[in-house]
Full PDB file with SEQRES, HELIX, SHEET, SSBOND, CRYST1, ORIGX, SCALE, CONECT and MASTER records, all heavy atoms in Angstrom:
SEQRES   1 A   30  GLU GLU GLY GLU VAL LYS ASN PHE LEU VAL ASP ASP ARG          
SEQRES   2 A   30  TYR LYS GLN MET ILE GLU PHE LEU HIS LYS CYS TRP LYS          
SEQRES   3 A   30  ALA GLY LEU ILE                                              
HELIX    1 AA1 PHE A    8  VAL A   10  5                                   3    
HELIX    2 AA2 ASP A   12  LYS A   26  1                                  15    
CRYST1    1.000    1.000    1.000  90.00  90.00  90.00 P 1           1          
ORIGX1      1.000000  0.000000  0.000000        0.00000                         
ORIGX2      0.000000  1.000000  0.000000        0.00000                         
ORIGX3      0.000000  0.000000  1.000000        0.00000                         
SCALE1      1.000000  0.000000  0.000000        0.00000                         
SCALE2      0.000000  1.000000  0.000000        0.00000                         
SCALE3      0.000000  0.000000  1.000000        0.00000                         
ATOM      1  N   GLU A   1      54.448   9.799  28.163  1.00  0.00           N  
ATOM      2  CA  GLU A   1      55.394  10.580  27.553  1.00  0.00           C  
ATOM      3  C   GLU A   1      56.736   9.823  27.354  1.00  0.00           C  
ATOM      4  O   GLU A   1      57.304   9.439  28.277  1.00  0.00           O  
ATOM      5  CB  GLU A   1      55.711  11.928  28.454  1.00  0.00           C  
ATOM      6  CG  GLU A   1      56.340  13.052  27.784  1.00  0.00           C  
ATOM      7  CD  GLU A   1      56.288  14.309  28.546  1.00  0.00           C  
ATOM      8  OE1 GLU A   1      56.463  14.254  29.815  1.00  0.00           O  
ATOM      9  OE2 GLU A   1      55.929  15.358  27.920  1.00  0.00           O  
ATOM     10  N   GLU A   2      57.042   9.667  26.047  1.00  0.00           N  
ATOM     11  CA  GLU A   2      58.138   8.805  25.719  1.00  0.00           C  
ATOM     12  C   GLU A   2      58.225   7.560  26.372  1.00  0.00           C  
ATOM     13  O   GLU A   2      59.251   7.012  26.858  1.00  0.00           O  
ATOM     14  CB  GLU A   2      59.575   9.615  26.023  1.00  0.00           C  
ATOM     15  CG  GLU A   2      59.711  10.848  25.130  1.00  0.00           C  
ATOM     16  CD  GLU A   2      59.941  10.433  23.690  1.00  0.00           C  
ATOM     17  OE1 GLU A   2      60.680   9.472  23.411  1.00  0.00           O  
ATOM     18  OE2 GLU A   2      59.367  11.151  22.894  1.00  0.00           O  
ATOM     19  N   GLY A   3      57.052   6.850  26.476  1.00  0.00           N  
ATOM     20  CA  GLY A   3      56.937   5.527  26.946  1.00  0.00           C  
ATOM     21  C   GLY A   3      56.841   5.450  28.537  1.00  0.00           C  
ATOM     22  O   GLY A   3      56.749   4.402  29.033  1.00  0.00           O  
ATOM     23  N   GLU A   4      56.763   6.593  29.159  1.00  0.00           N  
ATOM     24  CA  GLU A   4      56.771   6.619  30.633  1.00  0.00           C  
ATOM     25  C   GLU A   4      55.341   7.070  31.026  1.00  0.00           C  
ATOM     26  O   GLU A   4      54.869   8.212  30.606  1.00  0.00           O  
ATOM     27  CB  GLU A   4      57.660   7.550  31.258  1.00  0.00           C  
ATOM     28  CG  GLU A   4      57.782   7.568  32.636  1.00  0.00           C  
ATOM     29  CD  GLU A   4      58.771   8.660  33.370  1.00  0.00           C  
ATOM     30  OE1 GLU A   4      59.678   9.056  32.609  1.00  0.00           O  
ATOM     31  OE2 GLU A   4      58.708   8.803  34.563  1.00  0.00           O  
ATOM     32  N   VAL A   5      54.601   6.323  31.825  1.00  0.00           N  
ATOM     33  CA  VAL A   5      53.390   6.664  32.354  1.00  0.00           C  
ATOM     34  C   VAL A   5      53.466   7.712  33.409  1.00  0.00           C  
ATOM     35  O   VAL A   5      54.268   7.520  34.322  1.00  0.00           O  
ATOM     36  CB  VAL A   5      52.570   5.384  32.959  1.00  0.00           C  
ATOM     37  CG1 VAL A   5      51.200   5.855  33.450  1.00  0.00           C  
ATOM     38  CG2 VAL A   5      52.466   4.361  31.803  1.00  0.00           C  
ATOM     39  N   LYS A   6      52.802   8.796  33.317  1.00  0.00           N  
ATOM     40  CA  LYS A   6      52.742   9.930  34.189  1.00  0.00           C  
ATOM     41  C   LYS A   6      51.389  10.337  34.622  1.00  0.00           C  
ATOM     42  O   LYS A   6      50.370   9.734  33.956  1.00  0.00           O  
ATOM     43  CB  LYS A   6      53.546  10.984  33.602  1.00  0.00           C  
ATOM     44  CG  LYS A   6      54.920  10.690  33.219  1.00  0.00           C  
ATOM     45  CD  LYS A   6      55.604  11.959  32.634  1.00  0.00           C  
ATOM     46  CE  LYS A   6      57.140  11.644  32.252  1.00  0.00           C  
ATOM     47  NZ  LYS A   6      57.805  12.864  31.618  1.00  0.00           N  
ATOM     48  N   ASN A   7      51.234  11.295  35.455  1.00  0.00           N  
ATOM     49  CA  ASN A   7      49.965  11.842  35.841  1.00  0.00           C  
ATOM     50  C   ASN A   7      50.092  13.410  35.969  1.00  0.00           C  
ATOM     51  O   ASN A   7      50.919  13.937  36.627  1.00  0.00           O  
ATOM     52  CB  ASN A   7      49.437  11.300  37.228  1.00  0.00           C  
ATOM     53  CG  ASN A   7      47.928  11.577  37.384  1.00  0.00           C  
ATOM     54  OD1 ASN A   7      47.603  12.757  37.405  1.00  0.00           O  
ATOM     55  ND2 ASN A   7      47.198  10.604  37.602  1.00  0.00           N  
ATOM     56  N   PHE A   8      49.280  14.020  35.109  1.00  0.00           N  
ATOM     57  CA  PHE A   8      49.411  15.530  35.083  1.00  0.00           C  
ATOM     58  C   PHE A   8      48.974  16.311  36.252  1.00  0.00           C  
ATOM     59  O   PHE A   8      49.241  17.394  36.437  1.00  0.00           O  
ATOM     60  CB  PHE A   8      48.801  16.176  33.764  1.00  0.00           C  
ATOM     61  CG  PHE A   8      47.306  16.072  33.681  1.00  0.00           C  
ATOM     62  CD1 PHE A   8      46.431  16.619  34.526  1.00  0.00           C  
ATOM     63  CD2 PHE A   8      46.646  15.257  32.659  1.00  0.00           C  
ATOM     64  CE1 PHE A   8      45.033  16.667  34.449  1.00  0.00           C  
ATOM     65  CE2 PHE A   8      45.275  15.251  32.525  1.00  0.00           C  
ATOM     66  CZ  PHE A   8      44.491  15.973  33.427  1.00  0.00           C  
ATOM     67  N   LEU A   9      48.224  15.544  37.168  1.00  0.00           N  
ATOM     68  CA  LEU A   9      47.705  16.217  38.362  1.00  0.00           C  
ATOM     69  C   LEU A   9      48.783  16.697  39.326  1.00  0.00           C  
ATOM     70  O   LEU A   9      48.556  17.589  40.115  1.00  0.00           O  
ATOM     71  CB  LEU A   9      46.750  15.182  39.134  1.00  0.00           C  
ATOM     72  CG  LEU A   9      45.474  14.877  38.364  1.00  0.00           C  
ATOM     73  CD1 LEU A   9      44.712  13.774  39.166  1.00  0.00           C  
ATOM     74  CD2 LEU A   9      44.505  15.976  38.125  1.00  0.00           C  
ATOM     75  N   VAL A  10      49.990  16.134  39.152  1.00  0.00           N  
ATOM     76  CA  VAL A  10      51.114  16.563  39.943  1.00  0.00           C  
ATOM     77  C   VAL A  10      52.172  17.014  39.001  1.00  0.00           C  
ATOM     78  O   VAL A  10      53.393  17.209  39.516  1.00  0.00           O  
ATOM     79  CB  VAL A  10      51.666  15.385  40.861  1.00  0.00           C  
ATOM     80  CG1 VAL A  10      50.695  15.010  41.869  1.00  0.00           C  
ATOM     81  CG2 VAL A  10      52.045  14.184  39.983  1.00  0.00           C  
ATOM     82  N   ASP A  11      51.987  17.444  37.850  1.00  0.00           N  
ATOM     83  CA  ASP A  11      52.961  17.975  36.958  1.00  0.00           C  
ATOM     84  C   ASP A  11      52.917  19.431  36.833  1.00  0.00           C  
ATOM     85  O   ASP A  11      51.873  20.131  36.882  1.00  0.00           O  
ATOM     86  CB  ASP A  11      52.540  17.434  35.476  1.00  0.00           C  
ATOM     87  CG  ASP A  11      53.650  17.691  34.504  1.00  0.00           C  
ATOM     88  OD1 ASP A  11      53.998  18.788  34.208  1.00  0.00           O  
ATOM     89  OD2 ASP A  11      54.247  16.640  34.060  1.00  0.00           O  
ATOM     90  N   ASP A  12      54.048  20.078  36.885  1.00  0.00           N  
ATOM     91  CA  ASP A  12      54.195  21.593  36.928  1.00  0.00           C  
ATOM     92  C   ASP A  12      53.404  22.239  35.773  1.00  0.00           C  
ATOM     93  O   ASP A  12      53.003  23.410  35.823  1.00  0.00           O  
ATOM     94  CB  ASP A  12      55.603  22.023  37.035  1.00  0.00           C  
ATOM     95  CG  ASP A  12      56.294  21.819  38.399  1.00  0.00           C  
ATOM     96  OD1 ASP A  12      55.474  21.719  39.378  1.00  0.00           O  
ATOM     97  OD2 ASP A  12      57.417  21.839  38.500  1.00  0.00           O  
ATOM     98  N   ARG A  13      53.281  21.488  34.699  1.00  0.00           N  
ATOM     99  CA  ARG A  13      52.613  22.064  33.518  1.00  0.00           C  
ATOM    100  C   ARG A  13      51.090  22.228  33.762  1.00  0.00           C  
ATOM    101  O   ARG A  13      50.457  23.081  33.189  1.00  0.00           O  
ATOM    102  CB  ARG A  13      52.960  21.177  32.212  1.00  0.00           C  
ATOM    103  CG  ARG A  13      54.298  21.255  31.885  1.00  0.00           C  
ATOM    104  CD  ARG A  13      54.646  20.262  30.760  1.00  0.00           C  
ATOM    105  NE  ARG A  13      54.740  18.896  31.267  1.00  0.00           N  
ATOM    106  CZ  ARG A  13      55.161  17.873  30.585  1.00  0.00           C  
ATOM    107  NH1 ARG A  13      55.441  17.915  29.332  1.00  0.00           N  
ATOM    108  NH2 ARG A  13      55.242  16.698  31.121  1.00  0.00           N  
ATOM    109  N   TYR A  14      50.579  21.339  34.630  1.00  0.00           N  
ATOM    110  CA  TYR A  14      49.190  21.423  34.974  1.00  0.00           C  
ATOM    111  C   TYR A  14      49.021  22.668  35.823  1.00  0.00           C  
ATOM    112  O   TYR A  14      48.053  23.370  35.788  1.00  0.00           O  
ATOM    113  CB  TYR A  14      48.840  20.233  35.708  1.00  0.00           C  
ATOM    114  CG  TYR A  14      47.435  20.083  36.390  1.00  0.00           C  
ATOM    115  CD1 TYR A  14      46.363  20.126  35.614  1.00  0.00           C  
ATOM    116  CD2 TYR A  14      47.257  20.081  37.763  1.00  0.00           C  
ATOM    117  CE1 TYR A  14      44.962  19.978  36.100  1.00  0.00           C  
ATOM    118  CE2 TYR A  14      45.978  20.030  38.359  1.00  0.00           C  
ATOM    119  CZ  TYR A  14      44.927  19.937  37.476  1.00  0.00           C  
ATOM    120  OH  TYR A  14      43.598  19.907  38.133  1.00  0.00           O  
ATOM    121  N   LYS A  15      49.972  22.857  36.743  1.00  0.00           N  
ATOM    122  CA  LYS A  15      49.850  24.064  37.652  1.00  0.00           C  
ATOM    123  C   LYS A  15      49.921  25.340  36.763  1.00  0.00           C  
ATOM    124  O   LYS A  15      49.152  26.313  36.967  1.00  0.00           O  
ATOM    125  CB  LYS A  15      51.117  24.060  38.552  1.00  0.00           C  
ATOM    126  CG  LYS A  15      51.316  25.272  39.432  1.00  0.00           C  
ATOM    127  CD  LYS A  15      52.487  25.124  40.341  1.00  0.00           C  
ATOM    128  CE  LYS A  15      52.660  26.277  41.338  1.00  0.00           C  
ATOM    129  NZ  LYS A  15      53.362  27.447  40.554  1.00  0.00           N  
ATOM    130  N   GLN A  16      50.783  25.261  35.735  1.00  0.00           N  
ATOM    131  CA  GLN A  16      50.892  26.474  34.825  1.00  0.00           C  
ATOM    132  C   GLN A  16      49.576  26.757  34.125  1.00  0.00           C  
ATOM    133  O   GLN A  16      49.134  27.857  33.965  1.00  0.00           O  
ATOM    134  CB  GLN A  16      52.054  26.203  33.781  1.00  0.00           C  
ATOM    135  CG  GLN A  16      52.250  27.291  32.795  1.00  0.00           C  
ATOM    136  CD  GLN A  16      53.294  26.972  31.751  1.00  0.00           C  
ATOM    137  OE1 GLN A  16      53.646  25.743  31.622  1.00  0.00           O  
ATOM    138  NE2 GLN A  16      53.890  27.928  31.045  1.00  0.00           N  
ATOM    139  N   MET A  17      48.819  25.619  33.732  1.00  0.00           N  
ATOM    140  CA  MET A  17      47.595  25.755  33.071  1.00  0.00           C  
ATOM    141  C   MET A  17      46.543  26.385  33.965  1.00  0.00           C  
ATOM    142  O   MET A  17      45.806  27.294  33.697  1.00  0.00           O  
ATOM    143  CB  MET A  17      47.072  24.492  32.554  1.00  0.00           C  
ATOM    144  CG  MET A  17      45.772  24.536  31.783  1.00  0.00           C  
ATOM    145  SD  MET A  17      44.997  22.875  31.674  1.00  0.00           S  
ATOM    146  CE  MET A  17      44.404  22.472  33.299  1.00  0.00           C  
ATOM    147  N   ILE A  18      46.500  25.930  35.252  1.00  0.00           N  
ATOM    148  CA  ILE A  18      45.454  26.471  36.193  1.00  0.00           C  
ATOM    149  C   ILE A  18      45.802  27.837  36.530  1.00  0.00           C  
ATOM    150  O   ILE A  18      44.890  28.746  36.701  1.00  0.00           O  
ATOM    151  CB  ILE A  18      45.573  25.546  37.500  1.00  0.00           C  
ATOM    152  CG1 ILE A  18      44.924  24.273  37.272  1.00  0.00           C  
ATOM    153  CG2 ILE A  18      44.790  26.299  38.623  1.00  0.00           C  
ATOM    154  CD1 ILE A  18      44.988  23.301  38.465  1.00  0.00           C  
ATOM    155  N   GLU A  19      47.021  28.265  36.593  1.00  0.00           N  
ATOM    156  CA  GLU A  19      47.411  29.699  36.777  1.00  0.00           C  
ATOM    157  C   GLU A  19      46.848  30.604  35.683  1.00  0.00           C  
ATOM    158  O   GLU A  19      46.292  31.664  35.887  1.00  0.00           O  
ATOM    159  CB  GLU A  19      48.896  29.884  36.889  1.00  0.00           C  
ATOM    160  CG  GLU A  19      49.440  29.348  38.164  1.00  0.00           C  
ATOM    161  CD  GLU A  19      51.009  29.208  38.293  1.00  0.00           C  
ATOM    162  OE1 GLU A  19      51.553  29.098  37.145  1.00  0.00           O  
ATOM    163  OE2 GLU A  19      51.503  29.330  39.378  1.00  0.00           O  
ATOM    164  N   PHE A  20      46.907  30.087  34.474  1.00  0.00           N  
ATOM    165  CA  PHE A  20      46.357  30.856  33.335  1.00  0.00           C  
ATOM    166  C   PHE A  20      44.813  30.903  33.537  1.00  0.00           C  
ATOM    167  O   PHE A  20      44.193  31.980  33.198  1.00  0.00           O  
ATOM    168  CB  PHE A  20      46.745  30.126  31.965  1.00  0.00           C  
ATOM    169  CG  PHE A  20      46.058  30.727  30.841  1.00  0.00           C  
ATOM    170  CD1 PHE A  20      46.351  32.056  30.284  1.00  0.00           C  
ATOM    171  CD2 PHE A  20      45.109  29.970  30.111  1.00  0.00           C  
ATOM    172  CE1 PHE A  20      45.673  32.606  29.335  1.00  0.00           C  
ATOM    173  CE2 PHE A  20      44.442  30.592  29.005  1.00  0.00           C  
ATOM    174  CZ  PHE A  20      44.739  31.958  28.604  1.00  0.00           C  
ATOM    175  N   LEU A  21      44.186  29.752  33.778  1.00  0.00           N  
ATOM    176  CA  LEU A  21      42.782  29.808  33.872  1.00  0.00           C  
ATOM    177  C   LEU A  21      42.341  30.651  35.064  1.00  0.00           C  
ATOM    178  O   LEU A  21      41.213  31.288  34.979  1.00  0.00           O  
ATOM    179  CB  LEU A  21      42.237  28.378  34.069  1.00  0.00           C  
ATOM    180  CG  LEU A  21      42.454  27.498  32.771  1.00  0.00           C  
ATOM    181  CD1 LEU A  21      42.046  25.934  33.202  1.00  0.00           C  
ATOM    182  CD2 LEU A  21      41.496  27.951  31.604  1.00  0.00           C  
ATOM    183  N   HIS A  22      42.959  30.779  36.140  1.00  0.00           N  
ATOM    184  CA  HIS A  22      42.668  31.665  37.234  1.00  0.00           C  
ATOM    185  C   HIS A  22      42.738  33.067  36.812  1.00  0.00           C  
ATOM    186  O   HIS A  22      41.937  33.909  37.086  1.00  0.00           O  
ATOM    187  CB  HIS A  22      43.585  31.371  38.394  1.00  0.00           C  
ATOM    188  CG  HIS A  22      43.407  32.366  39.566  1.00  0.00           C  
ATOM    189  ND1 HIS A  22      42.193  32.497  40.169  1.00  0.00           N  
ATOM    190  CD2 HIS A  22      44.221  33.278  40.095  1.00  0.00           C  
ATOM    191  CE1 HIS A  22      42.266  33.531  41.071  1.00  0.00           C  
ATOM    192  NE2 HIS A  22      43.525  33.958  41.037  1.00  0.00           N  
ATOM    193  N   LYS A  23      43.785  33.402  35.922  1.00  0.00           N  
ATOM    194  CA  LYS A  23      43.882  34.720  35.443  1.00  0.00           C  
ATOM    195  C   LYS A  23      42.684  35.080  34.590  1.00  0.00           C  
ATOM    196  O   LYS A  23      42.205  36.196  34.743  1.00  0.00           O  
ATOM    197  CB  LYS A  23      45.278  34.875  34.647  1.00  0.00           C  
ATOM    198  CG  LYS A  23      45.425  36.123  33.909  1.00  0.00           C  
ATOM    199  CD  LYS A  23      46.657  36.011  33.042  1.00  0.00           C  
ATOM    200  CE  LYS A  23      46.906  37.269  32.291  1.00  0.00           C  
ATOM    201  NZ  LYS A  23      48.158  37.272  31.413  1.00  0.00           N  
ATOM    202  N   CYS A  24      42.202  34.175  33.845  1.00  0.00           N  
ATOM    203  CA  CYS A  24      41.036  34.454  33.058  1.00  0.00           C  
ATOM    204  C   CYS A  24      39.776  34.564  33.866  1.00  0.00           C  
ATOM    205  O   CYS A  24      38.995  35.433  33.669  1.00  0.00           O  
ATOM    206  CB  CYS A  24      40.908  33.289  32.003  1.00  0.00           C  
ATOM    207  SG  CYS A  24      42.088  33.012  30.752  1.00  0.00           S  
ATOM    208  N   TRP A  25      39.608  33.625  34.862  1.00  0.00           N  
ATOM    209  CA  TRP A  25      38.543  33.824  35.797  1.00  0.00           C  
ATOM    210  C   TRP A  25      38.507  35.124  36.595  1.00  0.00           C  
ATOM    211  O   TRP A  25      37.479  35.705  36.676  1.00  0.00           O  
ATOM    212  CB  TRP A  25      38.553  32.642  36.803  1.00  0.00           C  
ATOM    213  CG  TRP A  25      37.380  32.636  37.663  1.00  0.00           C  
ATOM    214  CD1 TRP A  25      37.246  33.314  38.924  1.00  0.00           C  
ATOM    215  CD2 TRP A  25      36.122  31.988  37.581  1.00  0.00           C  
ATOM    216  NE1 TRP A  25      36.054  33.076  39.436  1.00  0.00           N  
ATOM    217  CE2 TRP A  25      35.287  32.318  38.659  1.00  0.00           C  
ATOM    218  CE3 TRP A  25      35.679  31.079  36.564  1.00  0.00           C  
ATOM    219  CZ2 TRP A  25      33.991  31.791  38.842  1.00  0.00           C  
ATOM    220  CZ3 TRP A  25      34.335  30.540  36.814  1.00  0.00           C  
ATOM    221  CH2 TRP A  25      33.643  30.891  37.839  1.00  0.00           C  
ATOM    222  N   LYS A  26      39.646  35.479  37.111  1.00  0.00           N  
ATOM    223  CA  LYS A  26      39.779  36.749  37.900  1.00  0.00           C  
ATOM    224  C   LYS A  26      39.359  38.013  36.991  1.00  0.00           C  
ATOM    225  O   LYS A  26      38.804  38.898  37.433  1.00  0.00           O  
ATOM    226  CB  LYS A  26      41.199  36.935  38.359  1.00  0.00           C  
ATOM    227  CG  LYS A  26      41.444  38.009  39.392  1.00  0.00           C  
ATOM    228  CD  LYS A  26      42.773  38.043  39.907  1.00  0.00           C  
ATOM    229  CE  LYS A  26      42.903  39.184  40.958  1.00  0.00           C  
ATOM    230  NZ  LYS A  26      44.327  39.108  41.536  1.00  0.00           N  
ATOM    231  N   ALA A  27      39.714  37.852  35.625  1.00  0.00           N  
ATOM    232  CA  ALA A  27      39.388  39.002  34.814  1.00  0.00           C  
ATOM    233  C   ALA A  27      37.860  38.928  34.201  1.00  0.00           C  
ATOM    234  O   ALA A  27      37.435  39.696  33.403  1.00  0.00           O  
ATOM    235  CB  ALA A  27      40.238  39.008  33.599  1.00  0.00           C  
ATOM    236  N   GLY A  28      37.219  37.870  34.733  1.00  0.00           N  
ATOM    237  CA  GLY A  28      35.671  37.731  34.400  1.00  0.00           C  
ATOM    238  C   GLY A  28      35.535  37.136  32.974  1.00  0.00           C  
ATOM    239  O   GLY A  28      34.517  37.372  32.291  1.00  0.00           O  
ATOM    240  N   LEU A  29      36.503  36.461  32.425  1.00  0.00           N  
ATOM    241  CA  LEU A  29      36.434  35.900  31.074  1.00  0.00           C  
ATOM    242  C   LEU A  29      35.787  34.546  30.931  1.00  0.00           C  
ATOM    243  O   LEU A  29      35.552  34.112  29.788  1.00  0.00           O  
ATOM    244  CB  LEU A  29      37.854  35.969  30.491  1.00  0.00           C  
ATOM    245  CG  LEU A  29      38.658  37.253  30.577  1.00  0.00           C  
ATOM    246  CD1 LEU A  29      40.057  37.165  29.960  1.00  0.00           C  
ATOM    247  CD2 LEU A  29      37.894  38.361  29.909  1.00  0.00           C  
ATOM    248  N   ILE A  30      35.705  33.803  32.064  1.00  0.00           N  
ATOM    249  CA  ILE A  30      35.127  32.458  32.056  1.00  0.00           C  
ATOM    250  C   ILE A  30      33.752  32.582  32.472  1.00  0.00           C  
ATOM    251  O   ILE A  30      33.349  33.350  33.489  1.00  0.00           O  
ATOM    252  CB  ILE A  30      35.926  31.490  32.885  1.00  0.00           C  
ATOM    253  CG1 ILE A  30      37.437  31.322  32.347  1.00  0.00           C  
ATOM    254  CG2 ILE A  30      35.266  30.139  32.996  1.00  0.00           C  
ATOM    255  CD1 ILE A  30      38.171  30.440  33.156  1.00  0.00           C  
TER     256      ILE A  30                                                      
MASTER        0    0    0    2    0    0    0    6  255    1    0    3          
END                                                                             
């Protein structure tokens, strides 16, 4: 990101994505 090497496994945006997927799983959508 802008020339800086990062890892999404510890990025809050990854946490946000998992929370959405858990919401989908809990609703039986996956």
